[in-house]
Amino acid sequence: MEPIRVVVAKPGLDGHDRGAKFIARALRDAGMEVIYTGLRQTPEQIVTVTLQEDARVVCLSCLSGAHNDLFPEVVRLLKEKGADDALVLGGGIIPDKDVPHLKKQGVAEIFTPGTTSEEIINFIKSNV
């Protein structure tokens, strides 16, 4: 069986990627193929990489507070490009009150500080 291909991305102007790099490493250690896009990616850039790499999962990390705009935009563009089967996950500093909105917009799950890498790995393996 082929490894699960995952794009880990930092949308927006957020300049802190320690958590995203930690998750990328954990997913790679769990046998997944990880493509890390780096900092300050636009939703369009993230979707382009996802399509080019034929990724099944997109992990978005945001600490800047722009998650309510950026995460749904990635989901919208994936649907527009015919990749609506990609599992979109969000993480970072996301207030609990924003989680229902993000899920309604198509983000499968939100992982906030304190979530273990094992929880994220299990969620991905259970949903891909």
N, C-alpha and C. Protein backbone atom coordinates (compact mmCIF):
# COMPACT_ATOMS: atom_id res chain seq x y z
N MET A 1 0.84 -1.18 0.00
CA MET A 1 0.00 0.00 0.00
C MET A 1 0.89 1.25 0.00
N GLU A 2 0.49 2.23 -0.81
CA GLU A 2 1.25 3.48 -0.89
C GLU A 2 1.07 4.28 0.39
N PRO A 3 2.11 5.04 0.77
CA PRO A 3 1.95 5.90 1.96
C PRO A 3 0.95 7.01 1.69
N ILE A 4 0.31 7.47 2.75
CA ILE A 4 -0.61 8.60 2.65
C ILE A 4 0.21 9.85 2.38
N ARG A 5 -0.18 10.60 1.35
CA ARG A 5 0.52 11.85 1.00
C ARG A 5 -0.18 13.01 1.68
N VAL A 6 0.59 13.81 2.42
CA VAL A 6 0.06 14.90 3.22
C VAL A 6 0.79 16.20 2.90
N VAL A 7 0.03 17.26 2.65
CA VAL A 7 0.61 18.60 2.53
C VAL A 7 0.42 19.29 3.88
N VAL A 8 1.52 19.80 4.42
CA VAL A 8 1.47 20.61 5.65
C VAL A 8 1.78 22.03 5.22
N ALA A 9 0.86 22.97 5.55
CA ALA A 9 0.99 24.33 5.03
C ALA A 9 0.68 25.37 6.09
N LYS A 10 1.31 26.52 5.94
CA LYS A 10 1.10 27.69 6.81
C LYS A 10 0.49 28.80 5.96
N PRO A 11 -0.85 28.87 5.91
CA PRO A 11 -1.46 29.92 5.10
C PRO A 11 -1.38 31.29 5.77
N GLY A 12 -1.34 32.31 4.95
CA GLY A 12 -1.38 33.67 5.48
C GLY A 12 -0.02 34.20 5.87
N LEU A 13 -0.04 35.24 6.69
CA LEU A 13 1.18 35.97 7.03
C LEU A 13 1.84 35.48 8.31
N ASP A 14 1.32 34.44 8.88
CA ASP A 14 1.85 33.86 10.11
C ASP A 14 3.31 33.45 9.89
N GLY A 15 4.20 33.86 10.77
CA GLY A 15 5.61 33.56 10.60
C GLY A 15 6.17 32.52 11.55
N HIS A 16 5.33 31.80 12.26
CA HIS A 16 5.77 30.83 13.25
C HIS A 16 5.42 29.43 12.78
N ASP A 17 6.42 28.59 12.52
CA ASP A 17 6.12 27.27 11.97
C ASP A 17 6.64 26.10 12.80
N ARG A 18 6.95 26.34 14.05
CA ARG A 18 7.48 25.27 14.89
C ARG A 18 6.50 24.10 15.01
N GLY A 19 5.22 24.42 15.26
CA GLY A 19 4.21 23.37 15.38
C GLY A 19 4.01 22.61 14.08
N ALA A 20 3.98 23.33 12.97
CA ALA A 20 3.80 22.69 11.66
C ALA A 20 4.95 21.75 11.35
N LYS A 21 6.17 22.18 11.66
CA LYS A 21 7.34 21.32 11.43
C LYS A 21 7.31 20.09 12.34
N PHE A 22 6.85 20.28 13.58
CA PHE A 22 6.72 19.15 14.50
C PHE A 22 5.74 18.12 13.95
N ILE A 23 4.59 18.59 13.48
CA ILE A 23 3.58 17.69 12.92
C ILE A 23 4.10 17.02 11.66
N ALA A 24 4.76 17.78 10.79
CA ALA A 24 5.32 17.20 9.57
C ALA A 24 6.27 16.06 9.90
N ARG A 25 7.12 16.27 10.87
CA ARG A 25 8.08 15.24 11.28
C ARG A 25 7.36 14.01 11.86
N ALA A 26 6.34 14.26 12.70
CA ALA A 26 5.60 13.15 13.31
C ALA A 26 4.87 12.33 12.25
N LEU A 27 4.27 12.99 11.28
CA LEU A 27 3.57 12.27 10.22
C LEU A 27 4.55 11.47 9.37
N ARG A 28 5.69 12.05 9.08
CA ARG A 28 6.73 11.35 8.32
C ARG A 28 7.21 10.13 9.10
N ASP A 29 7.43 10.31 10.40
CA ASP A 29 7.87 9.18 11.24
C ASP A 29 6.82 8.07 11.30
N ALA A 30 5.55 8.44 11.07
CA ALA A 30 4.46 7.46 11.08
C ALA A 30 4.29 6.79 9.71
N GLY A 31 5.18 7.10 8.78
CA GLY A 31 5.15 6.43 7.48
C GLY A 31 4.42 7.18 6.38
N MET A 32 4.00 8.41 6.67
CA MET A 32 3.32 9.19 5.65
C MET A 32 4.34 9.97 4.82
N GLU A 33 3.97 10.28 3.60
CA GLU A 33 4.82 11.11 2.75
C GLU A 33 4.36 12.55 2.93
N VAL A 34 5.24 13.40 3.42
CA VAL A 34 4.87 14.76 3.80
C VAL A 34 5.54 15.79 2.89
N ILE A 35 4.73 16.71 2.41
CA ILE A 35 5.22 17.84 1.63
C ILE A 35 4.96 19.08 2.47
N TYR A 36 6.02 19.73 2.93
CA TYR A 36 5.87 20.94 3.74
C TYR A 36 6.07 22.14 2.83
N THR A 37 5.09 23.03 2.77
CA THR A 37 5.14 24.14 1.81
C THR A 37 5.88 25.36 2.31
N GLY A 38 6.15 25.42 3.62
CA GLY A 38 6.83 26.59 4.15
C GLY A 38 5.86 27.67 4.58
N LEU A 39 6.42 28.79 4.99
CA LEU A 39 5.65 29.90 5.54
C LEU A 39 4.99 30.76 4.46
N ARG A 40 3.97 31.49 4.90
CA ARG A 40 3.32 32.56 4.13
C ARG A 40 2.79 32.09 2.77
N GLN A 41 2.04 31.01 2.79
CA GLN A 41 1.45 30.47 1.57
C GLN A 41 0.04 31.01 1.37
N THR A 42 -0.30 31.28 0.13
CA THR A 42 -1.68 31.67 -0.18
C THR A 42 -2.52 30.40 -0.31
N PRO A 43 -3.83 30.51 -0.14
CA PRO A 43 -4.67 29.34 -0.38
C PRO A 43 -4.45 28.76 -1.79
N GLU A 44 -4.26 29.61 -2.78
CA GLU A 44 -4.03 29.14 -4.15
C GLU A 44 -2.74 28.32 -4.24
N GLN A 45 -1.69 28.77 -3.58
CA GLN A 45 -0.43 28.03 -3.60
C GLN A 45 -0.59 26.67 -2.93
N ILE A 46 -1.30 26.64 -1.82
CA ILE A 46 -1.51 25.39 -1.09
C ILE A 46 -2.29 24.39 -1.94
N VAL A 47 -3.33 24.87 -2.60
CA VAL A 47 -4.14 23.99 -3.44
C VAL A 47 -3.33 23.50 -4.64
N THR A 48 -2.53 24.36 -5.23
CA THR A 48 -1.69 23.96 -6.36
C THR A 48 -0.74 22.83 -5.96
N VAL A 49 -0.08 22.97 -4.82
CA VAL A 49 0.83 21.93 -4.35
C VAL A 49 0.05 20.64 -4.06
N THR A 50 -1.10 20.76 -3.45
CA THR A 50 -1.92 19.58 -3.15
C THR A 50 -2.26 18.82 -4.42
N LEU A 51 -2.65 19.53 -5.45
CA LEU A 51 -2.99 18.89 -6.73
C LEU A 51 -1.76 18.31 -7.40
N GLN A 52 -0.67 19.06 -7.43
CA GLN A 52 0.56 18.59 -8.08
C GLN A 52 1.10 17.33 -7.40
N GLU A 53 0.99 17.29 -6.09
CA GLU A 53 1.54 16.16 -5.32
C GLU A 53 0.53 15.03 -5.13
N ASP A 54 -0.69 15.23 -5.63
CA ASP A 54 -1.75 14.24 -5.48
C ASP A 54 -1.92 13.82 -4.01
N ALA A 55 -1.94 14.84 -3.15
CA ALA A 55 -2.03 14.60 -1.70
C ALA A 55 -3.47 14.27 -1.32
N ARG A 56 -3.62 13.41 -0.34
CA ARG A 56 -4.94 13.01 0.17
C ARG A 56 -5.35 13.85 1.37
N VAL A 57 -4.36 14.49 2.02
CA VAL A 57 -4.60 15.23 3.26
C VAL A 57 -3.91 16.59 3.16
N VAL A 58 -4.59 17.62 3.68
CA VAL A 58 -4.00 18.95 3.78
C VAL A 58 -4.11 19.37 5.25
N CYS A 59 -2.97 19.61 5.87
CA CYS A 59 -2.91 20.07 7.26
C CYS A 59 -2.54 21.55 7.24
N LEU A 60 -3.46 22.38 7.71
CA LEU A 60 -3.25 23.82 7.74
C LEU A 60 -2.98 24.27 9.16
N SER A 61 -1.98 25.11 9.34
CA SER A 61 -1.63 25.62 10.66
C SER A 61 -1.69 27.13 10.64
N CYS A 62 -2.41 27.69 11.62
CA CYS A 62 -2.56 29.14 11.66
C CYS A 62 -2.54 29.63 13.11
N LEU A 63 -1.70 30.61 13.35
CA LEU A 63 -1.62 31.22 14.67
C LEU A 63 -2.01 32.69 14.63
N SER A 64 -2.26 33.21 13.45
CA SER A 64 -2.46 34.65 13.28
C SER A 64 -3.90 35.12 13.48
N GLY A 65 -4.83 34.20 13.60
CA GLY A 65 -6.23 34.58 13.75
C GLY A 65 -6.99 34.66 12.44
N ALA A 66 -6.35 34.36 11.33
CA ALA A 66 -7.00 34.45 10.02
C ALA A 66 -7.60 33.12 9.57
N HIS A 67 -7.68 32.15 10.46
CA HIS A 67 -8.16 30.81 10.12
C HIS A 67 -9.58 30.80 9.56
N ASN A 68 -10.47 31.67 10.07
CA ASN A 68 -11.86 31.69 9.60
C ASN A 68 -11.99 32.08 8.14
N ASP A 69 -11.01 32.77 7.61
CA ASP A 69 -11.00 33.13 6.19
C ASP A 69 -10.15 32.16 5.37
N LEU A 70 -8.96 31.85 5.86
CA LEU A 70 -8.01 31.07 5.08
C LEU A 70 -8.38 29.60 4.94
N PHE A 71 -8.78 28.95 6.03
CA PHE A 71 -9.11 27.53 5.96
C PHE A 71 -10.28 27.27 5.01
N PRO A 72 -11.41 27.99 5.14
CA PRO A 72 -12.52 27.77 4.20
C PRO A 72 -12.15 28.08 2.75
N GLU A 73 -11.26 29.03 2.55
CA GLU A 73 -10.83 29.35 1.19
C GLU A 73 -10.07 28.18 0.57
N VAL A 74 -9.23 27.52 1.33
CA VAL A 74 -8.53 26.33 0.83
C VAL A 74 -9.55 25.25 0.47
N VAL A 75 -10.52 25.02 1.34
CA VAL A 75 -11.56 24.01 1.06
C VAL A 75 -12.32 24.38 -0.22
N ARG A 76 -12.69 25.65 -0.35
CA ARG A 76 -13.44 26.10 -1.52
C ARG A 76 -12.65 25.87 -2.81
N LEU A 77 -11.37 26.23 -2.79
CA LEU A 77 -10.54 26.07 -3.98
C LEU A 77 -10.31 24.61 -4.32
N LEU A 78 -10.16 23.76 -3.31
CA LEU A 78 -10.02 22.32 -3.57
C LEU A 78 -11.27 21.79 -4.27
N LYS A 79 -12.44 22.19 -3.78
CA LYS A 79 -13.70 21.77 -4.41
C LYS A 79 -13.78 22.28 -5.84
N GLU A 80 -13.41 23.54 -6.03
CA GLU A 80 -13.44 24.16 -7.35
C GLU A 80 -12.55 23.42 -8.35
N LYS A 81 -11.44 22.89 -7.85
CA LYS A 81 -10.47 22.18 -8.71
C LYS A 81 -10.74 20.68 -8.78
N GLY A 82 -11.85 20.23 -8.17
CA GLY A 82 -12.21 18.81 -8.24
C GLY A 82 -11.50 17.92 -7.25
N ALA A 83 -10.91 18.51 -6.23
CA ALA A 83 -10.19 17.72 -5.23
C ALA A 83 -10.93 17.76 -3.89
N ASP A 84 -12.25 17.71 -3.96
CA ASP A 84 -13.04 17.81 -2.73
C ASP A 84 -12.97 16.57 -1.87
N ASP A 85 -12.26 15.52 -2.34
CA ASP A 85 -12.08 14.34 -1.51
C ASP A 85 -10.85 14.46 -0.60
N ALA A 86 -10.09 15.54 -0.73
CA ALA A 86 -8.93 15.74 0.15
C ALA A 86 -9.43 16.03 1.57
N LEU A 87 -8.80 15.40 2.53
CA LEU A 87 -9.12 15.60 3.95
C LEU A 87 -8.39 16.85 4.42
N VAL A 88 -9.14 17.88 4.82
CA VAL A 88 -8.53 19.14 5.26
C VAL A 88 -8.62 19.22 6.78
N LEU A 89 -7.46 19.40 7.40
CA LEU A 89 -7.37 19.50 8.86
C LEU A 89 -6.79 20.86 9.21
N GLY A 90 -7.18 21.38 10.36
CA GLY A 90 -6.66 22.66 10.81
C GLY A 90 -6.03 22.53 12.18
N GLY A 91 -5.08 23.40 12.44
CA GLY A 91 -4.43 23.41 13.74
C GLY A 91 -3.88 24.78 14.04
N GLY A 92 -3.49 24.94 15.29
CA GLY A 92 -2.93 26.21 15.71
C GLY A 92 -3.75 26.81 16.83
N ILE A 93 -3.67 28.11 16.96
CA ILE A 93 -4.41 28.82 18.00
C ILE A 93 -5.79 29.14 17.43
N ILE A 94 -6.73 28.24 17.67
CA ILE A 94 -8.08 28.37 17.14
C ILE A 94 -9.05 28.36 18.32
N PRO A 95 -9.76 29.46 18.55
CA PRO A 95 -10.72 29.48 19.66
C PRO A 95 -11.81 28.43 19.47
N ASP A 96 -12.23 27.83 20.58
CA ASP A 96 -13.28 26.80 20.54
C ASP A 96 -14.52 27.30 19.80
N LYS A 97 -14.86 28.57 19.96
CA LYS A 97 -16.07 29.11 19.34
C LYS A 97 -15.99 29.12 17.81
N ASP A 98 -14.79 29.04 17.24
CA ASP A 98 -14.62 29.05 15.79
C ASP A 98 -14.70 27.66 15.17
N VAL A 99 -14.55 26.63 15.97
CA VAL A 99 -14.49 25.26 15.45
C VAL A 99 -15.76 24.86 14.70
N PRO A 100 -16.96 25.09 15.23
CA PRO A 100 -18.17 24.70 14.48
C PRO A 100 -18.26 25.36 13.10
N HIS A 101 -17.90 26.64 13.02
CA HIS A 101 -17.90 27.35 11.74
C HIS A 101 -16.95 26.69 10.75
N LEU A 102 -15.74 26.38 11.20
CA LEU A 102 -14.74 25.78 10.32
C LEU A 102 -15.19 24.40 9.83
N LYS A 103 -15.78 23.62 10.72
CA LYS A 103 -16.27 22.29 10.33
C LYS A 103 -17.42 22.42 9.34
N LYS A 104 -18.30 23.38 9.55
CA LYS A 104 -19.41 23.61 8.63
C LYS A 104 -18.89 24.00 7.24
N GLN A 105 -17.73 24.66 7.20
CA GLN A 105 -17.12 25.07 5.94
C GLN A 105 -16.33 23.95 5.26
N GLY A 106 -16.22 22.79 5.91
CA GLY A 106 -15.57 21.65 5.27
C GLY A 106 -14.25 21.21 5.85
N VAL A 107 -13.81 21.85 6.92
CA VAL A 107 -12.59 21.39 7.59
C VAL A 107 -12.98 20.19 8.45
N ALA A 108 -12.32 19.05 8.22
CA ALA A 108 -12.74 17.80 8.86
C ALA A 108 -12.53 17.80 10.37
N GLU A 109 -11.43 18.39 10.82
CA GLU A 109 -11.13 18.40 12.25
C GLU A 109 -10.17 19.54 12.55
N ILE A 110 -10.24 20.01 13.78
CA ILE A 110 -9.35 21.07 14.27
C ILE A 110 -8.56 20.51 15.44
N PHE A 111 -7.24 20.69 15.40
CA PHE A 111 -6.36 20.23 16.47
C PHE A 111 -5.67 21.45 17.08
N THR A 112 -5.84 21.63 18.36
CA THR A 112 -5.29 22.80 19.04
C THR A 112 -4.13 22.37 19.95
N PRO A 113 -3.41 23.34 20.54
CA PRO A 113 -2.30 22.99 21.42
C PRO A 113 -2.74 21.99 22.49
N GLY A 114 -1.89 21.03 22.72
CA GLY A 114 -2.20 19.97 23.67
C GLY A 114 -2.59 18.67 23.00
N THR A 115 -2.97 18.75 21.72
CA THR A 115 -3.28 17.54 20.96
C THR A 115 -1.98 16.78 20.74
N THR A 116 -2.01 15.47 20.93
CA THR A 116 -0.80 14.69 20.69
C THR A 116 -0.66 14.37 19.20
N SER A 117 0.55 14.15 18.78
CA SER A 117 0.77 13.76 17.38
C SER A 117 0.07 12.43 17.10
N GLU A 118 0.01 11.56 18.08
CA GLU A 118 -0.66 10.26 17.91
C GLU A 118 -2.15 10.44 17.59
N GLU A 119 -2.80 11.41 18.22
CA GLU A 119 -4.21 11.69 17.94
C GLU A 119 -4.39 12.12 16.48
N ILE A 120 -3.50 12.96 16.01
CA ILE A 120 -3.58 13.44 14.63
C ILE A 120 -3.32 12.30 13.65
N ILE A 121 -2.30 11.51 13.92
CA ILE A 121 -1.97 10.36 13.07
C ILE A 121 -3.14 9.39 13.01
N ASN A 122 -3.72 9.08 14.15
CA ASN A 122 -4.87 8.16 14.18
C ASN A 122 -6.05 8.72 13.43
N PHE A 123 -6.31 10.02 13.57
CA PHE A 123 -7.43 10.63 12.84
C PHE A 123 -7.21 10.50 11.33
N ILE A 124 -6.02 10.80 10.89
CA ILE A 124 -5.73 10.71 9.45
C ILE A 124 -5.90 9.28 8.96
N LYS A 125 -5.30 8.34 9.67
CA LYS A 125 -5.39 6.93 9.24
C LYS A 125 -6.83 6.42 9.25
N SER A 126 -7.65 6.92 10.14
CA SER A 126 -9.04 6.49 10.24
C SER A 126 -9.93 7.14 9.19
N ASN A 127 -9.49 8.24 8.61
CA ASN A 127 -10.36 9.00 7.70
C ASN A 127 -9.88 9.09 6.26
N VAL A 128 -8.77 8.46 5.95
CA VAL A 128 -8.30 8.46 4.55
C VAL A 128 -8.58 7.09 3.94
